[in-house]
Amino acid sequence: MKNAVILVAAKSADIANRIKSVLEQEFFIVSDICISGNETIRKVRTYHPDLLVCDYELSDMTGVQVCDVVIKSGLCSVILLCNQVQKDYAETLFEYPYLICLDKPLNKSVLCSSIEISLKSRKGIRSLENEIIKLKQDIETRKLVEKAKGLMISRLRITEEEAYNRMRKQSMDSQLAMKDVAKIIISTME
């Protein structure tokens, strides 16, 4: 996961550059640094980083306000650097693995381990989200095919197997997906 793109945001360029330096020493790719919340949100939308490492205190807004936009928009996961009170507050608003809160002052090994965990979790989540999308598409296709078969059975007085076989043959002959064949049958028979 060392080839993941990370964006760093802190209240000063000095702090952001120190964090960037630590991450680059560990061979992470840091796309840029930010010192304001608005700049951070704009750069997250521009760079599409895999992860945002964000200080709780920024020049124009809090890290929680940045998280609100970034996490709720599904742009990337966030590691928020904060004190215990800020951590308790942030963790009530956002769930793991989208947000990991780390106590300040930072420990290099904890930061790097947290980044690895966050990136792996995000990759797993993306895989599951893609699988859900595919399953929804499969269900939609199945619904259309069943509806088309039902129309063919009632209008053409054929069996379910014959209806399916005709649809499958039409799909192969026309090189159209079953979903598209089903849509055509539904639109012509309804």
Protein backbone atom coordinates (compact mmCIF):
# COMPACT_ATOMS: atom_id res chain seq x y z
CA MET A 1 0.00 0.00 0.00
CA LYS A 2 3.07 2.25 -0.14
CA ASN A 3 2.02 3.49 -3.59
CA ALA A 4 -1.17 5.03 -2.19
CA VAL A 5 -1.59 8.78 -2.55
CA ILE A 6 -1.88 10.74 0.70
CA LEU A 7 -2.80 14.39 1.27
CA VAL A 8 -1.61 16.11 4.47
CA ALA A 9 -3.46 19.03 6.11
CA ALA A 10 -2.30 20.95 9.19
CA LYS A 11 -2.69 24.42 10.67
CA SER A 12 0.80 25.46 9.54
CA ALA A 13 3.03 24.59 6.60
CA ASP A 14 5.80 23.65 9.05
CA ILE A 15 3.68 20.97 10.77
CA ALA A 16 2.35 19.69 7.43
CA ASN A 17 5.86 19.47 5.98
CA ARG A 18 7.12 17.55 9.04
CA ILE A 19 4.31 15.01 8.65
CA LYS A 20 4.99 14.83 4.90
CA SER A 21 8.68 14.21 5.57
CA VAL A 22 7.93 11.35 7.98
CA LEU A 23 5.57 9.72 5.47
CA GLU A 24 7.98 10.08 2.58
CA GLN A 25 10.76 8.51 4.68
CA GLU A 26 8.43 5.50 4.97
CA PHE A 27 7.96 5.55 1.16
CA PHE A 28 4.39 6.85 1.13
CA ILE A 29 3.46 9.18 -1.73
CA VAL A 30 2.29 12.56 -0.40
CA SER A 31 0.54 14.47 -3.18
CA ASP A 32 0.48 17.84 -1.42
CA ILE A 33 0.04 19.69 1.85
CA CYS A 34 -2.72 22.08 2.90
CA ILE A 35 -3.07 24.61 5.71
CA SER A 36 -6.78 25.43 5.49
CA GLY A 37 -9.95 23.39 5.45
CA ASN A 38 -11.25 24.89 2.23
CA GLU A 39 -7.94 24.24 0.49
CA THR A 40 -7.99 20.67 1.83
CA ILE A 41 -11.48 19.95 0.51
CA ARG A 42 -10.60 21.46 -2.87
CA LYS A 43 -7.41 19.38 -3.15
CA VAL A 44 -9.16 16.18 -2.05
CA ARG A 45 -11.64 16.72 -4.87
CA THR A 46 -8.81 17.51 -7.30
CA TYR A 47 -6.27 14.81 -6.40
CA HIS A 48 -8.64 12.03 -5.28
CA PRO A 49 -6.16 10.80 -2.66
CA ASP A 50 -6.51 7.41 -1.03
CA LEU A 51 -6.14 9.00 2.39
CA LEU A 52 -6.19 12.39 4.09
CA VAL A 53 -4.02 12.92 7.16
CA CYS A 54 -5.62 15.96 8.77
CA ASP A 55 -4.86 17.97 11.91
CA TYR A 56 -7.94 18.80 13.99
CA GLU A 57 -7.06 22.48 13.97
CA LEU A 58 -6.85 24.20 10.60
CA SER A 59 -6.74 27.92 9.86
CA ASP A 60 -10.37 28.33 8.78
CA MET A 61 -12.26 25.29 10.08
CA THR A 62 -11.88 22.19 12.21
CA GLY A 63 -10.78 18.80 11.03
CA VAL A 64 -14.25 17.51 11.91
CA GLN A 65 -15.79 19.97 9.44
CA VAL A 66 -13.38 18.74 6.77
CA CYS A 67 -14.24 15.13 7.66
CA ASP A 68 -17.92 15.95 7.35
CA VAL A 69 -17.43 16.88 3.69
CA VAL A 70 -14.75 14.34 2.77
CA ILE A 71 -16.20 11.26 4.47
CA LYS A 72 -19.87 11.93 3.76
CA SER A 73 -19.05 12.51 0.08
CA GLY A 74 -17.11 9.23 -0.01
CA LEU A 75 -13.98 10.98 -1.28
CA CYS A 76 -11.43 9.19 0.92
CA SER A 77 -10.70 7.96 4.41
CA VAL A 78 -9.24 10.29 7.03
CA ILE A 79 -6.70 10.02 9.82
CA LEU A 80 -7.50 12.87 12.20
CA LEU A 81 -4.77 14.12 14.53
CA CYS A 82 -6.32 15.38 17.76
CA ASN A 83 -6.35 15.46 21.54
CA GLN A 84 -8.51 13.11 23.64
CA VAL A 85 -11.54 15.42 23.89
CA GLN A 86 -11.50 16.10 20.15
CA LYS A 87 -11.05 12.37 19.52
CA ASP A 88 -14.09 11.45 21.62
CA TYR A 89 -16.19 14.02 19.77
CA ALA A 90 -15.01 13.02 16.27
CA GLU A 91 -15.52 9.31 16.91
CA THR A 92 -19.18 9.90 17.81
CA LEU A 93 -19.75 11.47 14.36
CA PHE A 94 -17.84 9.13 12.05
CA GLU A 95 -17.31 5.39 12.02
CA TYR A 96 -14.19 3.32 11.64
CA PRO A 97 -12.73 2.61 9.05
CA TYR A 98 -13.61 5.90 7.36
CA LEU A 99 -12.01 7.80 10.25
CA ILE A 100 -9.13 6.90 12.50
CA CYS A 101 -8.28 9.36 15.27
CA LEU A 102 -4.71 9.52 16.54
CA ASP A 103 -3.57 11.27 19.70
CA LYS A 104 -1.10 14.10 19.52
CA PRO A 105 1.84 14.17 19.84
CA LEU A 106 2.27 11.71 17.01
CA ASN A 107 4.16 8.47 17.22
CA LYS A 108 5.77 7.65 13.86
CA SER A 109 5.15 3.90 14.03
CA VAL A 110 1.53 4.35 15.16
CA LEU A 111 0.92 6.82 12.33
CA CYS A 112 2.42 4.48 9.70
CA SER A 113 0.55 1.45 11.04
CA SER A 114 -2.70 3.42 11.09
CA ILE A 115 -2.15 4.51 7.51
CA GLU A 116 -1.60 0.89 6.43
CA ILE A 117 -4.75 -0.24 8.27
CA SER A 118 -6.82 2.60 6.83
CA LEU A 119 -5.67 1.94 3.28
CA LYS A 120 -6.31 -1.80 3.52
CA SER A 121 -9.75 -1.19 5.04
CA ARG A 122 -10.62 1.30 2.32
CA LYS A 123 -9.54 -1.18 -0.37
CA GLY A 124 -11.76 -3.86 1.20
CA ILE A 125 -14.68 -1.46 1.41
CA ARG A 126 -14.32 -0.48 -2.24
CA SER A 127 -14.30 -4.15 -3.21
CA LEU A 128 -17.48 -4.76 -1.23
CA GLU A 129 -19.14 -1.65 -2.68
CA ASN A 130 -18.34 -2.86 -6.21
CA GLU A 131 -19.75 -6.28 -5.36
CA ILE A 132 -22.95 -4.68 -4.05
CA ILE A 133 -23.30 -2.67 -7.26
CA LYS A 134 -22.88 -5.84 -9.33
CA LEU A 135 -25.41 -7.73 -7.21
CA LYS A 136 -27.94 -4.89 -7.60
CA GLN A 137 -27.42 -4.99 -11.36
CA ASP A 138 -27.89 -8.76 -11.36
CA ILE A 139 -31.12 -8.43 -9.38
CA GLU A 140 -32.38 -5.76 -11.78
CA THR A 141 -31.56 -8.00 -14.74
CA ARG A 142 -33.29 -10.96 -13.11
CA LYS A 143 -36.42 -8.86 -12.45
CA LEU A 144 -36.55 -7.72 -16.07
CA VAL A 145 -36.00 -11.25 -17.40
CA GLU A 146 -38.73 -12.64 -15.12
CA LYS A 147 -41.15 -9.91 -16.17
CA ALA A 148 -40.41 -10.51 -19.86
CA LYS A 149 -40.83 -14.28 -19.40
CA GLY A 150 -44.16 -13.68 -17.66
CA LEU A 151 -45.41 -11.54 -20.52
CA MET A 152 -44.29 -14.11 -23.09
CA ILE A 153 -45.96 -16.95 -21.16
CA SER A 154 -49.27 -15.11 -20.90
CA ARG A 155 -49.35 -13.62 -24.42
CA LEU A 156 -47.74 -16.41 -26.44
CA ARG A 157 -49.10 -19.31 -24.35
CA ILE A 158 -45.71 -20.97 -24.00
CA THR A 159 -43.94 -22.56 -21.05
CA GLU A 160 -41.46 -20.76 -18.84
CA GLU A 161 -38.62 -22.83 -20.27
CA GLU A 162 -39.65 -21.99 -23.85
CA ALA A 163 -39.84 -18.29 -22.99
CA TYR A 164 -36.39 -18.36 -21.45
CA ASN A 165 -34.92 -20.30 -24.38
CA ARG A 166 -36.38 -17.82 -26.87
CA MET A 167 -34.94 -14.91 -24.91
CA ARG A 168 -31.55 -16.60 -24.68
CA LYS A 169 -31.54 -17.35 -28.41
CA GLN A 170 -32.53 -13.77 -29.22
CA SER A 171 -29.75 -12.54 -26.93
CA MET A 172 -27.13 -14.68 -28.69
CA ASP A 173 -28.42 -13.94 -32.21
CA SER A 174 -28.55 -10.19 -31.68
CA GLN A 175 -25.47 -10.07 -29.43
CA LEU A 176 -27.48 -8.16 -26.83
CA ALA A 177 -27.42 -8.76 -23.11
CA MET A 178 -30.38 -10.64 -21.63
CA LYS A 179 -31.31 -7.44 -19.80
CA ASP A 180 -31.61 -5.55 -23.09
CA VAL A 181 -33.61 -8.33 -24.75
CA ALA A 182 -35.94 -8.36 -21.74
CA LYS A 183 -36.42 -4.58 -22.01
CA ILE A 184 -37.32 -4.88 -25.69
CA ILE A 185 -39.83 -7.67 -24.98
CA ILE A 186 -41.39 -5.70 -22.14
CA SER A 187 -41.70 -2.54 -24.23
CA THR A 188 -43.31 -4.38 -27.16
CA MET A 189 -45.65 -6.60 -25.14
CA GLU A 190 -46.90 -4.20 -22.49
